C-alpha cells in the first residue's frame, strides 16, 4: 500500500510544473503584451488607453510594461520575461530596431505572434507594423509646415528623441528629402533630447545661441516640442523663431495659445494603441495574414494595408484655432 501511495504522490508532483506554466493562457483568454518605448511618456500612456479599449472589446488580457526611460536593453529584458510567461501576442514600439529584433524573433520561435507599432522592428521579427502614418507623409508634413511658417526661407534645426530611434530617423530622412523643394531653407543642426523635456529645452537654448538667425525648430519627439517652446519663450523669441513638431495637443495647448508654438502635428494616438492591439489579436486568430490589402479594425473601420504596414491615416495639424477640440 505504501508503494502505491508513493507512486500516486510522485505522479501528482510530476504534473504540477505543467499545471503552473503558461499562466497567461490558463483562463482561456488571449493575452496581449504591450511594450512602449517608455511607460512614463504621456504619448504611450495615451496609446495604452486605446489598447485597453481594444482589449476590452476582444475580451483579452492586456499586459503593459516598459522601461522608465528609453532603454533598448530593458525592452529586451521585458520581452524575454514575456516569452517565459508564454503570452500569446507581443505588440512592441521598438526603441532600437536591430537590438530588439533578436528577442522578437525568439518570441516568434516560441509560437508568440509579434506586431509592432509606433516604431518598427526588422521585418522578419514581426508579422505587421501598425503604422501611424507613412514616414514620407510625416516628414513632408513637418517640412511643408516649417516652410509655410517661415516663408520658405532661412535656417532651421531639428531636435529629435534619440539617435537610435528608427521611426524618428525615417521621419528626419523624409524631412531632408522634402527640403529639396525649398532651396532657400537650410538645415543647420540635429540634436537629440533623449525624450526628455528638460534636455530638449537645453538643446534648443544652445541652438538659439549658436544660430542667431535661426527661423524654426522642428521637434521630432513629443517631449521636444514643449521643451523647444519653453526655450524660445525664455529667450524672448516667441513668434520670431517658429516652433513646430510631433506632439500631444494636451502637452502643447498653452504654448499654442500663447503663440510660442505654431503647429503640433500628430495622429490620434489613442487610435494607434487601439489599432495595434486589434492587429495583434487578428494575427493571433488568423484573420489577418500576409497578402492582406485591407484590415477591419473595429471602431476605426477598414484601413489600408500596404505590404506589411497597416496605415492608421494621415498626420493632423493642431493649431491654436482647433486645439480645444481635442482632449488627449
Protein backbone atom coordinates (compact mmCIF):
# COMPACT_ATOMS: atom_id res chain seq x y z
CA UNK A 1 0.00 0.00 0.00
CA UNK A 2 2.81 2.36 0.89
CA UNK A 3 4.47 1.88 -2.51
CA UNK A 4 1.16 2.57 -4.28
CA UNK A 5 0.65 5.75 -2.28
CA UNK A 6 4.20 6.83 -3.04
CA UNK A 7 3.71 6.29 -6.78
CA UNK A 8 0.48 8.25 -6.71
CA UNK A 9 2.16 11.10 -4.89
CA UNK A 10 5.04 11.15 -7.34
CA UNK A 11 2.62 11.21 -10.24
CA UNK A 12 0.80 14.19 -8.75
CA UNK A 13 4.04 16.10 -8.18
CA UNK A 14 5.13 15.40 -11.75
CA UNK A 15 2.06 17.17 -13.10
CA UNK A 16 2.46 20.33 -11.01
CA UNK A 17 5.03 22.18 -13.19
CA UNK A 18 2.83 21.69 -16.24
CA UNK A 19 -0.21 22.98 -14.42
CA UNK A 20 1.62 26.18 -13.47
CA UNK A 21 3.26 27.03 -16.79
CA UNK A 22 1.76 29.38 -19.38
CA UNK A 23 -0.19 31.18 -16.69
CA UNK A 24 -1.34 33.77 -19.19
CA UNK A 25 -3.24 31.12 -21.19
CA UNK A 26 -4.81 29.21 -18.34
CA UNK A 27 -8.09 31.14 -18.26
CA UNK A 28 -8.65 30.76 -21.99
CA UNK A 29 -8.26 34.49 -22.70
CA UNK A 30 -5.95 35.83 -25.37
CA UNK A 31 -3.04 37.53 -23.61
CA UNK A 32 -1.55 40.54 -25.38
CA UNK A 33 1.61 42.22 -24.07
CA UNK A 34 2.06 45.88 -25.00
CA UNK A 35 5.58 47.31 -24.94
CA UNK A 36 6.11 51.11 -25.05
CA UNK A 37 9.42 52.87 -25.58
CA UNK A 38 8.98 54.28 -22.07
CA UNK A 39 5.95 53.80 -19.87
CA UNK A 40 6.07 57.23 -18.23
CA UNK A 41 5.80 59.11 -21.54
CA UNK A 42 2.29 60.60 -21.89
CA UNK A 43 2.28 59.59 -25.56
CA UNK A 44 2.47 55.92 -24.60
CA UNK A 45 0.08 56.38 -21.69
CA UNK A 46 -2.43 57.54 -24.32
CA UNK A 47 -1.55 54.56 -26.52
CA UNK A 48 -2.24 52.29 -23.56
CA UNK A 49 -5.68 53.81 -23.12
CA UNK A 50 -6.61 52.88 -26.68
CA UNK A 51 -5.03 49.45 -26.28
CA UNK A 52 -7.11 48.72 -23.17
CA UNK A 53 -10.25 49.74 -25.03
CA UNK A 54 -9.43 47.23 -27.78
CA UNK A 55 -8.58 44.50 -25.25
CA UNK A 56 -11.93 45.03 -23.53
CA UNK A 57 -13.79 44.67 -26.84
CA UNK A 58 -11.86 41.48 -27.56
CA UNK A 59 -12.25 40.10 -24.02
CA UNK A 60 -8.47 39.77 -23.99
CA UNK A 61 -5.99 40.29 -21.16
CA UNK A 62 -3.59 43.19 -21.69
CA UNK A 63 -0.16 43.33 -20.05
CA UNK A 64 1.59 46.72 -20.20
CA UNK A 65 5.23 47.16 -19.26
CA UNK A 66 8.24 49.10 -20.45
CA UNK A 67 11.37 50.94 -19.36
CA UNK A 68 11.03 54.07 -17.23
CA UNK A 69 13.14 55.88 -19.83
CA UNK A 70 14.00 54.75 -23.38
CA UNK A 71 16.31 51.76 -22.87
CA UNK A 72 16.78 49.08 -25.57
CA UNK A 73 18.36 46.62 -23.12
CA UNK A 74 15.43 46.92 -20.73
CA UNK A 75 12.99 46.38 -23.60
CA UNK A 76 14.81 43.16 -24.47
CA UNK A 77 14.62 42.03 -20.84
CA UNK A 78 10.86 42.60 -20.75
CA UNK A 79 10.37 40.64 -23.99
CA UNK A 80 12.39 37.75 -22.55
CA UNK A 81 10.13 37.76 -19.48
CA UNK A 82 7.04 37.65 -21.65
CA UNK A 83 8.47 34.70 -23.58
CA UNK A 84 8.89 32.88 -20.27
CA UNK A 85 5.34 33.84 -19.26
CA UNK A 86 4.00 32.42 -22.50
CA UNK A 87 1.90 35.38 -23.66
CA UNK A 88 0.02 34.93 -26.94
CA UNK A 89 0.93 38.21 -28.61
CA UNK A 90 3.62 40.87 -28.17
CA UNK A 91 2.87 44.36 -29.52
CA UNK A 92 6.07 46.43 -29.41
CA UNK A 93 7.18 50.02 -30.01
CA UNK A 94 10.87 49.49 -30.70
CA UNK A 95 13.45 51.91 -29.35
CA UNK A 96 16.24 50.22 -31.32
CA UNK A 97 15.20 48.28 -34.41
CA UNK A 98 18.22 45.98 -34.51
CA UNK A 99 18.59 45.41 -30.77
CA UNK A 100 15.05 44.22 -30.11
CA UNK A 101 14.65 42.15 -33.27
CA UNK A 102 16.67 39.23 -31.90
CA UNK A 103 14.40 38.97 -28.86
CA UNK A 104 11.26 39.30 -31.00
CA UNK A 105 12.48 36.54 -33.34
CA UNK A 106 12.95 34.35 -30.27
CA UNK A 107 9.36 35.11 -29.27
CA UNK A 108 8.14 34.10 -32.72
CA UNK A 109 10.12 30.86 -32.50
CA UNK A 110 8.30 30.18 -29.23
CA UNK A 111 4.95 30.50 -31.00
CA UNK A 112 4.19 34.05 -29.88
CA UNK A 113 2.74 36.39 -32.50
CA UNK A 114 4.50 39.73 -32.85
CA UNK A 115 3.17 43.04 -34.14
CA UNK A 116 4.94 46.40 -33.88
CA UNK A 117 3.53 49.91 -33.57
CA UNK A 118 4.88 53.48 -33.49
CA UNK A 119 8.46 52.32 -34.24
CA UNK A 120 9.20 49.18 -36.22
CA UNK A 121 11.50 46.18 -35.80
CA UNK A 122 13.22 44.32 -38.61
CA UNK A 123 10.53 42.90 -40.94
CA UNK A 124 11.35 39.26 -40.14
CA UNK A 125 10.92 39.91 -36.40
CA UNK A 126 7.17 40.66 -36.61
CA UNK A 127 4.12 39.98 -38.76
CA UNK A 128 2.78 43.51 -39.26
CA UNK A 129 3.59 47.09 -38.31
CA UNK A 130 0.69 49.28 -37.12
CA UNK A 131 1.95 52.45 -38.74
CA UNK A 132 0.60 55.78 -37.51
CA UNK A 133 1.32 57.32 -40.93
CA UNK A 134 3.93 56.73 -43.56
CA UNK A 135 7.37 58.19 -42.84
CA UNK A 136 7.09 60.13 -46.08
CA UNK A 137 3.76 61.70 -45.08
CA UNK A 138 5.09 62.69 -41.65
CA UNK A 139 8.34 64.15 -42.94
CA UNK A 140 6.62 66.05 -45.74
CA UNK A 141 4.02 67.50 -43.37
CA UNK A 142 6.72 68.71 -40.97
CA UNK A 143 8.81 70.26 -43.73
CA UNK A 144 5.86 71.83 -45.53
CA UNK A 145 4.57 73.32 -42.27
CA UNK A 146 8.01 74.74 -41.44
CA UNK A 147 8.22 76.26 -44.91
CA UNK A 148 4.76 77.76 -44.60
CA UNK A 149 5.62 79.35 -41.25
CA UNK A 150 8.95 80.82 -42.41
CA UNK A 151 8.05 81.96 -45.89
CA UNK A 152 10.12 79.10 -47.31
CA UNK A 153 13.45 80.62 -46.36
CA UNK A 154 16.01 80.70 -43.55
CA UNK A 155 17.83 78.36 -41.19
CA UNK A 156 16.10 75.64 -39.23
CA UNK A 157 17.17 72.94 -36.79
CA UNK A 158 15.75 69.59 -35.68
CA UNK A 159 15.53 68.25 -32.15
CA UNK A 160 14.97 64.50 -32.21
CA UNK A 161 14.38 61.95 -29.46
CA UNK A 162 17.29 59.52 -29.55
CA UNK A 163 19.72 58.97 -32.39
CA UNK A 164 18.86 55.25 -32.45
CA UNK A 165 15.06 55.57 -32.77
CA UNK A 166 14.28 54.05 -36.15
CA UNK A 167 10.97 55.83 -36.72
CA UNK A 168 12.39 59.27 -35.88
CA UNK A 169 15.33 58.66 -38.21
CA UNK A 170 12.94 57.74 -41.01
CA UNK A 171 10.98 60.96 -40.44
CA UNK A 172 14.16 63.03 -40.49
CA UNK A 173 15.25 61.33 -43.71
CA UNK A 174 11.91 62.30 -45.23
CA UNK A 175 12.28 65.90 -43.97
CA UNK A 176 15.66 66.13 -45.70
CA UNK A 177 14.26 64.74 -48.94
CA UNK A 178 11.35 67.18 -48.88
CA UNK A 179 13.71 70.07 -48.17
CA UNK A 180 14.92 69.84 -51.76
CA UNK A 181 11.86 71.74 -52.94
CA UNK A 182 12.71 74.62 -50.59
CA UNK A 183 16.17 75.74 -51.81
CA UNK A 184 16.19 78.83 -49.59
CA UNK A 185 15.84 76.80 -46.39
CA UNK A 186 18.90 75.35 -44.68
CA UNK A 187 19.07 72.59 -42.06
CA UNK A 188 21.85 73.69 -39.70
CA UNK A 189 21.82 71.06 -36.95
CA UNK A 190 20.16 67.97 -35.46
CA UNK A 191 20.28 67.42 -31.71
CA UNK A 192 18.91 64.54 -29.56
CA UNK A 193 16.97 65.18 -26.36
CA UNK A 194 16.69 61.52 -25.24
CA UNK A 195 12.90 62.01 -24.99
CA UNK A 196 13.29 64.41 -22.05
CA UNK A 197 11.67 67.85 -21.99
CA UNK A 198 14.41 69.47 -19.89
CA UNK A 199 17.14 68.25 -22.23
CA UNK A 200 15.14 69.42 -25.23
CA UNK A 201 14.88 72.86 -23.65
CA UNK A 202 18.63 72.96 -23.09
CA UNK A 203 19.39 71.81 -26.63
CA UNK A 204 17.01 74.44 -28.03
CA UNK A 205 18.66 77.11 -25.89
CA UNK A 206 22.04 76.04 -27.27
CA UNK A 207 20.72 76.17 -30.83
CA UNK A 208 19.34 79.67 -30.35
CA UNK A 209 22.76 80.78 -29.14
CA UNK A 210 24.74 79.00 -31.85
CA UNK A 211 22.49 80.12 -34.70
CA UNK A 212 21.26 83.67 -34.10
CA UNK A 213 19.48 83.70 -37.48
CA UNK A 214 17.50 80.53 -36.74
CA UNK A 215 13.96 80.76 -38.11
CA UNK A 216 12.42 77.48 -36.97
CA UNK A 217 12.86 74.45 -34.74
CA UNK A 218 11.28 71.18 -35.83
CA UNK A 219 10.79 68.79 -32.91
CA UNK A 220 10.64 65.15 -33.98
CA UNK A 221 9.93 63.84 -30.47
CA UNK A 222 6.79 64.51 -28.41
CA UNK A 223 8.64 65.94 -25.39
CA UNK A 224 10.91 68.01 -27.59
CA UNK A 225 8.02 70.24 -28.66
CA UNK A 226 7.23 71.80 -25.26
CA UNK A 227 10.94 71.77 -24.41
CA UNK A 228 11.81 73.79 -27.50
CA UNK A 229 8.85 76.09 -26.91
CA UNK A 230 9.97 76.87 -23.36
CA UNK A 231 13.47 77.70 -24.60
CA UNK A 232 12.12 80.06 -27.26
CA UNK A 233 9.80 81.68 -24.71
CA UNK A 234 12.59 82.16 -22.17
CA UNK A 235 14.83 83.66 -24.87
CA UNK A 236 12.14 86.23 -25.70
CA UNK A 237 11.90 84.96 -29.28
CA UNK A 238 8.25 83.86 -29.36
CA UNK A 239 6.98 84.21 -32.92
CA UNK A 240 10.43 85.15 -34.18
CA UNK A 241 11.63 81.54 -34.06
CA UNK A 242 8.81 79.23 -35.14
CA UNK A 243 8.26 76.06 -33.13
CA UNK A 244 6.53 73.02 -34.59
CA UNK A 245 6.75 69.29 -34.19
CA UNK A 246 5.20 65.97 -33.36
CA UNK A 247 3.47 66.00 -30.00
CA UNK A 248 0.29 65.70 -27.98
CA UNK A 249 -2.10 68.65 -28.17
CA UNK A 250 -2.66 68.49 -24.39
CA UNK A 251 1.05 68.96 -23.68
CA UNK A 252 1.31 71.92 -26.04
CA UNK A 253 -2.02 73.70 -25.71
CA UNK A 254 -0.68 76.53 -23.53
CA UNK A 255 2.21 77.21 -25.90
CA UNK A 256 -0.12 77.16 -28.91
CA UNK A 257 -2.49 79.59 -27.21
CA UNK A 258 0.39 81.94 -26.32
CA UNK A 259 1.75 81.87 -29.87
CA UNK A 260 5.06 80.33 -28.83
CA UNK A 261 4.34 77.12 -30.74
CA UNK A 262 2.70 77.49 -34.13
CA UNK A 263 1.80 73.91 -35.03
CA UNK A 264 1.69 70.47 -33.44
CA UNK A 265 1.49 67.58 -35.87
CA UNK A 266 0.33 64.13 -34.88
CA UNK A 267 -2.19 61.37 -35.38
CA UNK A 268 -4.86 60.25 -32.97
CA UNK A 269 -2.59 58.46 -30.50
CA UNK A 270 -5.31 56.56 -28.67
CA UNK A 271 -6.41 55.12 -32.02
CA UNK A 272 -2.86 53.87 -32.65
CA UNK A 273 -2.87 51.84 -29.41
CA UNK A 274 -6.32 50.52 -30.30
CA UNK A 275 -5.19 49.54 -33.81
CA UNK A 276 -2.03 47.83 -32.57
CA UNK A 277 -3.94 45.54 -30.21
CA UNK A 278 -6.65 44.82 -32.79
CA UNK A 279 -3.94 43.86 -35.29
CA UNK A 280 -2.16 41.64 -32.77
CA UNK A 281 -5.37 39.78 -32.00
CA UNK A 282 -6.19 39.38 -35.69
CA UNK A 283 -2.75 37.91 -36.40
CA UNK A 284 -3.23 35.52 -33.49
CA UNK A 285 -6.63 34.28 -34.69
CA UNK A 286 -5.58 34.11 -38.35
CA UNK A 287 -7.95 36.76 -39.67
CA UNK A 288 -5.00 38.98 -40.66
CA UNK A 289 -2.34 37.25 -42.70
CA UNK A 290 0.37 38.14 -45.25
CA UNK A 291 -1.04 39.43 -48.53
CA UNK A 292 -3.95 41.28 -46.96
CA UNK A 293 -4.74 44.65 -48.56
CA UNK A 294 -7.34 45.77 -46.03
CA UNK A 295 -7.92 45.32 -42.32
CA UNK A 296 -11.20 45.68 -40.48
CA UNK A 297 -10.05 47.48 -37.32
CA UNK A 298 -13.15 47.53 -35.13
CA UNK A 299 -14.43 51.06 -34.49
CA UNK A 300 -11.73 52.51 -36.80
CA UNK A 301 -13.36 50.85 -39.79
CA UNK A 302 -11.49 49.40 -42.74
CA UNK A 303 -7.88 50.51 -43.03
CA UNK A 304 -5.38 50.16 -45.85
CA UNK A 305 -2.65 47.54 -45.59
CA UNK A 306 0.43 48.45 -47.61
CA UNK A 307 2.67 45.40 -47.75
CA UNK A 308 3.10 44.55 -44.06
CA UNK A 309 2.15 48.04 -42.83
CA UNK A 310 -1.35 48.83 -41.56
CA UNK A 311 -1.77 52.56 -42.07
CA UNK A 312 -3.73 54.45 -39.42
CA UNK A 313 -4.07 57.62 -41.51
CA UNK A 314 -2.60 60.98 -42.47
CA UNK A 315 -0.96 63.32 -39.96
CA UNK A 316 -3.17 66.04 -38.48
CA UNK A 317 -2.08 69.62 -37.73
CA UNK A 318 -3.16 71.06 -34.36
CA UNK A 319 -3.16 74.87 -34.06
CA UNK A 320 -4.40 77.39 -31.54
CA UNK A 321 -7.61 77.60 -33.58
CA UNK A 322 -8.54 73.90 -33.28
CA UNK A 323 -6.64 72.54 -30.26
CA UNK A 324 -9.61 72.94 -27.88
CA UNK A 325 -11.48 70.31 -29.88
CA UNK A 326 -9.17 67.54 -28.62
CA UNK A 327 -8.68 66.01 -25.17
CA UNK A 328 -5.53 63.89 -25.47
